[in-house]
Amino acid sequence: MGVPKRRVSHARQGDRRAHLALELPQLEECPHCHEQKRSHRACANCGYYGGRQVLEVKTAKDEPAS
């Protein structure tokens, strides 16, 4: 079984993990409602994608009272 002969230094460990940092999602403006949305996805605010409505967006007053 492969066992390390020496301890890995903090610098080498950091170099190995340099690409593991989290990134914020890239946002763009929705051309229909001008809200921020993820690229290549339907807008969560208005439901439009590619110039046409692809999602039915529910609002708070559309839901039945429980």
PDB file of N, CA and C in Angstrom:
ATOM      1  N   MET A   1       0.843  -1.180   0.000  1.00  0.00           N
ATOM      2  CA  MET A   1       0.000   0.000   0.000  1.00  0.00           C
ATOM      3  C   MET A   1       0.886   1.240   0.000  1.00  0.00           C
ATOM      4  N   GLY A   2       0.520   2.235  -0.822  1.00  0.00           N
ATOM      5  CA  GLY A   2       1.333   3.431  -0.917  1.00  0.00           C
ATOM      6  C   GLY A   2       1.165   4.334   0.286  1.00  0.00           C
ATOM      7  N   VAL A   3       2.252   4.577   0.961  1.00  0.00           N
ATOM      8  CA  VAL A   3       2.235   5.444   2.141  1.00  0.00           C
ATOM      9  C   VAL A   3       3.237   6.566   1.914  1.00  0.00           C
ATOM     10  N   PRO A   4       2.861   7.835   2.190  1.00  0.00           N
ATOM     11  CA  PRO A   4       3.804   8.938   2.001  1.00  0.00           C
ATOM     12  C   PRO A   4       5.026   8.784   2.887  1.00  0.00           C
ATOM     13  N   LYS A   5       6.188   9.044   2.310  1.00  0.00           N
ATOM     14  CA  LYS A   5       7.425   8.927   3.072  1.00  0.00           C
ATOM     15  C   LYS A   5       7.633  10.136   3.964  1.00  0.00           C
ATOM     16  N   ARG A   6       7.161  11.327   3.498  1.00  0.00           N
ATOM     17  CA  ARG A   6       7.336  12.546   4.275  1.00  0.00           C
ATOM     18  C   ARG A   6       6.011  13.303   4.352  1.00  0.00           C
ATOM     19  N   ARG A   7       5.951  14.174   5.317  1.00  0.00           N
ATOM     20  CA  ARG A   7       4.756  14.997   5.518  1.00  0.00           C
ATOM     21  C   ARG A   7       4.652  16.028   4.400  1.00  0.00           C
ATOM     22  N   VAL A   8       3.442  16.284   3.932  1.00  0.00           N
ATOM     23  CA  VAL A   8       3.222  17.292   2.898  1.00  0.00           C
ATOM     24  C   VAL A   8       3.156  18.658   3.564  1.00  0.00           C
ATOM     25  N   SER A   9       3.959  19.604   3.049  1.00  0.00           N
ATOM     26  CA  SER A   9       3.993  20.937   3.651  1.00  0.00           C
ATOM     27  C   SER A   9       2.698  21.690   3.344  1.00  0.00           C
ATOM     28  N   HIS A  10       2.450  22.743   4.115  1.00  0.00           N
ATOM     29  CA  HIS A  10       1.244  23.551   3.928  1.00  0.00           C
ATOM     30  C   HIS A  10       1.237  24.207   2.553  1.00  0.00           C
ATOM     31  N   ALA A  11       2.408  24.597   2.058  1.00  0.00           N
ATOM     32  CA  ALA A  11       2.495  25.245   0.757  1.00  0.00           C
ATOM     33  C   ALA A  11       2.107  24.269  -0.369  1.00  0.00           C
ATOM     34  N   ARG A  12       2.619  23.062  -0.305  1.00  0.00           N
ATOM     35  CA  ARG A  12       2.269  22.073  -1.332  1.00  0.00           C
ATOM     36  C   ARG A  12       0.794  21.693  -1.244  1.00  0.00           C
ATOM     37  N   GLN A  13       0.308  21.577  -0.037  1.00  0.00           N
ATOM     38  CA  GLN A  13      -1.105  21.257   0.153  1.00  0.00           C
ATOM     39  C   GLN A  13      -1.980  22.374  -0.412  1.00  0.00           C
ATOM     40  N   GLY A  14      -1.574  23.633  -0.186  1.00  0.00           N
ATOM     41  CA  GLY A  14      -2.311  24.760  -0.726  1.00  0.00           C
ATOM     42  C   GLY A  14      -2.254  24.831  -2.238  1.00  0.00           C
ATOM     43  N   ASP A  15      -1.097  24.505  -2.822  1.00  0.00           N
ATOM     44  CA  ASP A  15      -0.972  24.468  -4.283  1.00  0.00           C
ATOM     45  C   ASP A  15      -1.907  23.428  -4.888  1.00  0.00           C
ATOM     46  N   ARG A  16      -2.037  22.303  -4.239  1.00  0.00           N
ATOM     47  CA  ARG A  16      -2.898  21.239  -4.740  1.00  0.00           C
ATOM     48  C   ARG A  16      -4.369  21.647  -4.663  1.00  0.00           C
ATOM     49  N   ARG A  17      -4.719  22.399  -3.631  1.00  0.00           N
ATOM     50  CA  ARG A  17      -6.113  22.783  -3.431  1.00  0.00           C
ATOM     51  C   ARG A  17      -6.454  24.163  -3.994  1.00  0.00           C
ATOM     52  N   ALA A  18      -5.575  24.744  -4.787  1.00  0.00           N
ATOM     53  CA  ALA A  18      -5.773  26.105  -5.273  1.00  0.00           C
ATOM     54  C   ALA A  18      -7.006  26.239  -6.154  1.00  0.00           C
ATOM     55  N   HIS A  19      -7.387  25.195  -6.869  1.00  0.00           N
ATOM     56  CA  HIS A  19      -8.527  25.266  -7.776  1.00  0.00           C
ATOM     57  C   HIS A  19      -9.845  24.886  -7.110  1.00  0.00           C
ATOM     58  N   LEU A  20      -9.847  24.602  -5.811  1.00  0.00           N
ATOM     59  CA  LEU A  20     -11.053  24.160  -5.124  1.00  0.00           C
ATOM     60  C   LEU A  20     -11.869  25.307  -4.533  1.00  0.00           C
ATOM     61  N   ALA A  21     -11.451  26.545  -4.750  1.00  0.00           N
ATOM     62  CA  ALA A  21     -12.163  27.675  -4.167  1.00  0.00           C
ATOM     63  C   ALA A  21     -13.538  27.815  -4.801  1.00  0.00           C
ATOM     64  N   LEU A  22     -14.527  28.206  -3.998  1.00  0.00           N
ATOM     65  CA  LEU A  22     -15.882  28.421  -4.495  1.00  0.00           C
ATOM     66  C   LEU A  22     -15.948  29.729  -5.255  1.00  0.00           C
ATOM     67  N   GLU A  23     -16.768  29.744  -6.297  1.00  0.00           N
ATOM     68  CA  GLU A  23     -16.950  30.960  -7.089  1.00  0.00           C
ATOM     69  C   GLU A  23     -18.419  31.354  -7.063  1.00  0.00           C
ATOM     70  N   LEU A  24     -18.680  32.649  -7.170  1.00  0.00           N
ATOM     71  CA  LEU A  24     -20.044  33.113  -7.267  1.00  0.00           C
ATOM     72  C   LEU A  24     -20.579  32.827  -8.666  1.00  0.00           C
ATOM     73  N   PRO A  25     -21.870  32.527  -8.790  1.00  0.00           N
ATOM     74  CA  PRO A  25     -22.416  32.262 -10.126  1.00  0.00           C
ATOM     75  C   PRO A  25     -22.395  33.527 -10.976  1.00  0.00           C
ATOM     76  N   GLN A  26     -22.146  33.353 -12.275  1.00  0.00           N
ATOM     77  CA  GLN A  26     -22.132  34.483 -13.195  1.00  0.00           C
ATOM     78  C   GLN A  26     -23.573  34.879 -13.489  1.00  0.00           C
ATOM     79  N   LEU A  27     -23.890  36.143 -13.269  1.00  0.00           N
ATOM     80  CA  LEU A  27     -25.244  36.636 -13.470  1.00  0.00           C
ATOM     81  C   LEU A  27     -25.285  37.583 -14.651  1.00  0.00           C
ATOM     82  N   GLU A  28     -26.443  37.642 -15.300  1.00  0.00           N
ATOM     83  CA  GLU A  28     -26.657  38.587 -16.389  1.00  0.00           C
ATOM     84  C   GLU A  28     -28.061  39.154 -16.238  1.00  0.00           C
ATOM     85  N   GLU A  29     -28.333  40.216 -16.950  1.00  0.00           N
ATOM     86  CA  GLU A  29     -29.616  40.883 -16.845  1.00  0.00           C
ATOM     87  C   GLU A  29     -30.631  40.200 -17.756  1.00  0.00           C
ATOM     88  N   CYS A  30     -31.827  39.951 -17.250  1.00  0.00           N
ATOM     89  CA  CYS A  30     -32.909  39.387 -18.053  1.00  0.00           C
ATOM     90  C   CYS A  30     -33.370  40.465 -19.034  1.00  0.00           C
ATOM     91  N   PRO A  31     -33.432  40.160 -20.333  1.00  0.00           N
ATOM     92  CA  PRO A  31     -33.847  41.178 -21.301  1.00  0.00           C
ATOM     93  C   PRO A  31     -35.318  41.545 -21.190  1.00  0.00           C
ATOM     94  N   HIS A  32     -36.121  40.717 -20.519  1.00  0.00           N
ATOM     95  CA  HIS A  32     -37.554  40.984 -20.414  1.00  0.00           C
ATOM     96  C   HIS A  32     -37.895  41.829 -19.189  1.00  0.00           C
ATOM     97  N   CYS A  33     -37.422  41.412 -18.001  1.00  0.00           N
ATOM     98  CA  CYS A  33     -37.791  42.127 -16.762  1.00  0.00           C
ATOM     99  C   CYS A  33     -36.608  42.844 -16.119  1.00  0.00           C
ATOM    100  N   HIS A  34     -35.404  42.686 -16.663  1.00  0.00           N
ATOM    101  CA  HIS A  34     -34.182  43.366 -16.210  1.00  0.00           C
ATOM    102  C   HIS A  34     -33.751  42.972 -14.807  1.00  0.00           C
ATOM    103  N   GLU A  35     -34.154  41.784 -14.338  1.00  0.00           N
ATOM    104  CA  GLU A  35     -33.657  41.238 -13.080  1.00  0.00           C
ATOM    105  C   GLU A  35     -32.389  40.439 -13.368  1.00  0.00           C
ATOM    106  N   GLN A  36     -31.572  40.220 -12.351  1.00  0.00           N
ATOM    107  CA  GLN A  36     -30.372  39.407 -12.505  1.00  0.00           C
ATOM    108  C   GLN A  36     -30.767  37.933 -12.549  1.00  0.00           C
ATOM    109  N   LYS A  37     -30.170  37.159 -13.491  1.00  0.00           N
ATOM    110  CA  LYS A  37     -30.453  35.732 -13.608  1.00  0.00           C
ATOM    111  C   LYS A  37     -29.187  35.006 -14.031  1.00  0.00           C
ATOM    112  N   ARG A  38     -29.152  33.688 -13.829  1.00  0.00           N
ATOM    113  CA  ARG A  38     -28.034  32.884 -14.298  1.00  0.00           C
ATOM    114  C   ARG A  38     -28.126  32.780 -15.811  1.00  0.00           C
ATOM    115  N   SER A  39     -26.974  32.730 -16.469  1.00  0.00           N
ATOM    116  CA  SER A  39     -26.975  32.650 -17.924  1.00  0.00           C
ATOM    117  C   SER A  39     -27.439  31.265 -18.375  1.00  0.00           C
ATOM    118  N   HIS A  40     -28.081  31.195 -19.521  1.00  0.00           N
ATOM    119  CA  HIS A  40     -28.589  29.970 -20.135  1.00  0.00           C
ATOM    120  C   HIS A  40     -29.644  29.291 -19.281  1.00  0.00           C
ATOM    121  N   ARG A  41     -30.390  30.066 -18.510  1.00  0.00           N
ATOM    122  CA  ARG A  41     -31.480  29.538 -17.697  1.00  0.00           C
ATOM    123  C   ARG A  41     -32.662  30.476 -17.783  1.00  0.00           C
ATOM    124  N   ALA A  42     -33.851  29.940 -17.573  1.00  0.00           N
ATOM    125  CA  ALA A  42     -35.047  30.773 -17.586  1.00  0.00           C
ATOM    126  C   ALA A  42     -35.028  31.701 -16.379  1.00  0.00           C
ATOM    127  N   CYS A  43     -35.584  32.886 -16.543  1.00  0.00           N
ATOM    128  CA  CYS A  43     -35.626  33.868 -15.465  1.00  0.00           C
ATOM    129  C   CYS A  43     -36.597  33.397 -14.393  1.00  0.00           C
ATOM    130  N   ALA A  44     -36.173  33.408 -13.138  1.00  0.00           N
ATOM    131  CA  ALA A  44     -37.026  32.984 -12.035  1.00  0.00           C
ATOM    132  C   ALA A  44     -38.090  34.023 -11.718  1.00  0.00           C
ATOM    133  N   ASN A  45     -37.873  35.259 -12.143  1.00  0.00           N
ATOM    134  CA  ASN A  45     -38.818  36.328 -11.842  1.00  0.00           C
ATOM    135  C   ASN A  45     -39.982  36.360 -12.830  1.00  0.00           C
ATOM    136  N   CYS A  46     -39.693  36.245 -14.135  1.00  0.00           N
ATOM    137  CA  CYS A  46     -40.753  36.369 -15.139  1.00  0.00           C
ATOM    138  C   CYS A  46     -40.990  35.087 -15.927  1.00  0.00           C
ATOM    139  N   GLY A  47     -40.060  34.131 -15.908  1.00  0.00           N
ATOM    140  CA  GLY A  47     -40.242  32.870 -16.600  1.00  0.00           C
ATOM    141  C   GLY A  47     -39.868  32.896 -18.068  1.00  0.00           C
ATOM    142  N   TYR A  48     -39.247  33.968 -18.545  1.00  0.00           N
ATOM    143  CA  TYR A  48     -38.889  34.078 -19.956  1.00  0.00           C
ATOM    144  C   TYR A  48     -37.493  33.516 -20.213  1.00  0.00           C
ATOM    145  N   TYR A  49     -37.325  32.923 -21.390  1.00  0.00           N
ATOM    146  CA  TYR A  49     -36.022  32.474 -21.851  1.00  0.00           C
ATOM    147  C   TYR A  49     -36.035  32.498 -23.363  1.00  0.00           C
ATOM    148  N   GLY A  50     -35.057  33.125 -23.953  1.00  0.00           N
ATOM    149  CA  GLY A  50     -34.965  33.186 -25.403  1.00  0.00           C
ATOM    150  C   GLY A  50     -36.087  33.977 -26.042  1.00  0.00           C
ATOM    151  N   GLY A  51     -36.606  34.977 -25.350  1.00  0.00           N
ATOM    152  CA  GLY A  51     -37.640  35.832 -25.917  1.00  0.00           C
ATOM    153  C   GLY A  51     -39.056  35.303 -25.804  1.00  0.00           C
ATOM    154  N   ARG A  52     -39.248  34.164 -25.139  1.00  0.00           N
ATOM    155  CA  ARG A  52     -40.607  33.653 -24.973  1.00  0.00           C
ATOM    156  C   ARG A  52     -40.761  33.081 -23.577  1.00  0.00           C
ATOM    157  N   GLN A  53     -42.010  32.989 -23.106  1.00  0.00           N
ATOM    158  CA  GLN A  53     -42.270  32.494 -21.765  1.00  0.00           C
ATOM    159  C   GLN A  53     -42.235  30.975 -21.768  1.00  0.00           C
ATOM    160  N   VAL A  54     -41.367  30.411 -20.926  1.00  0.00           N
ATOM    161  CA  VAL A  54     -41.213  28.961 -20.860  1.00  0.00           C
ATOM    162  C   VAL A  54     -41.626  28.403 -19.504  1.00  0.00           C
ATOM    163  N   LEU A  55     -41.782  29.264 -18.499  1.00  0.00           N
ATOM    164  CA  LEU A  55     -42.197  28.834 -17.167  1.00  0.00           C
ATOM    165  C   LEU A  55     -43.406  29.635 -16.719  1.00  0.00           C
ATOM    166  N   GLU A  56     -44.287  28.966 -15.984  1.00  0.00           N
ATOM    167  CA  GLU A  56     -45.423  29.636 -15.364  1.00  0.00           C
ATOM    168  C   GLU A  56     -44.972  30.029 -13.957  1.00  0.00           C
ATOM    169  N   VAL A  57     -44.838  31.326 -13.700  1.00  0.00           N
ATOM    170  CA  VAL A  57     -44.332  31.798 -12.422  1.00  0.00           C
ATOM    171  C   VAL A  57     -45.497  32.066 -11.481  1.00  0.00           C
ATOM    172  N   LYS A  58     -45.467  31.442 -10.305  1.00  0.00           N
ATOM    173  CA  LYS A  58     -46.510  31.644  -9.302  1.00  0.00           C
ATOM    174  C   LYS A  58     -46.141  32.821  -8.416  1.00  0.00           C
ATOM    175  N   THR A  59     -47.116  33.610  -8.066  1.00  0.00           N
ATOM    176  CA  THR A  59     -46.916  34.703  -7.120  1.00  0.00           C
ATOM    177  C   THR A  59     -47.601  34.356  -5.806  1.00  0.00           C
ATOM    178  N   ALA A  60     -47.399  35.152  -4.777  1.00  0.00           N
ATOM    179  CA  ALA A  60     -47.952  34.873  -3.463  1.00  0.00           C
ATOM    180  C   ALA A  60     -49.482  34.917  -3.488  1.00  0.00           C
ATOM    181  N   LYS A  61     -50.079  35.793  -4.292  1.00  0.00           N
ATOM    182  CA  LYS A  61     -51.540  35.887  -4.306  1.00  0.00           C
ATOM    183  C   LYS A  61     -52.182  34.814  -5.183  1.00  0.00           C
ATOM    184  N   ASP A  62     -51.393  34.090  -6.016  1.00  0.00           N
ATOM    185  CA  ASP A  62     -51.920  33.003  -6.828  1.00  0.00           C
ATOM    186  C   ASP A  62     -52.148  31.732  -6.005  1.00  0.00           C
ATOM    187  N   GLU A  63     -51.409  31.587  -4.906  1.00  0.00           N
ATOM    188  CA  GLU A  63     -51.495  30.378  -4.109  1.00  0.00           C
ATOM    189  C   GLU A  63     -52.749  30.422  -3.225  1.00  0.00           C
ATOM    190  N   PRO A  64     -53.423  29.276  -3.031  1.00  0.00           N
ATOM    191  CA  PRO A  64     -54.610  29.261  -2.168  1.00  0.00           C
ATOM    192  C   PRO A  64     -54.230  29.455  -0.707  1.00  0.00           C
ATOM    193  N   ALA A  65     -55.111  30.116   0.027  1.00  0.00           N
ATOM    194  CA  ALA A  65     -54.864  30.362   1.458  1.00  0.00           C
ATOM    195  C   ALA A  65     -55.020  29.074   2.233  1.00  0.00           C
ATOM    196  N   SER A  66     -54.048  28.755   3.108  1.00  0.00           N
ATOM    197  CA  SER A  66     -54.110  27.521   3.891  1.00  0.00           C
ATOM    198  C   SER A  66     -54.437  27.825   5.323  1.00  0.00           C
TER     199      SER A  66
END
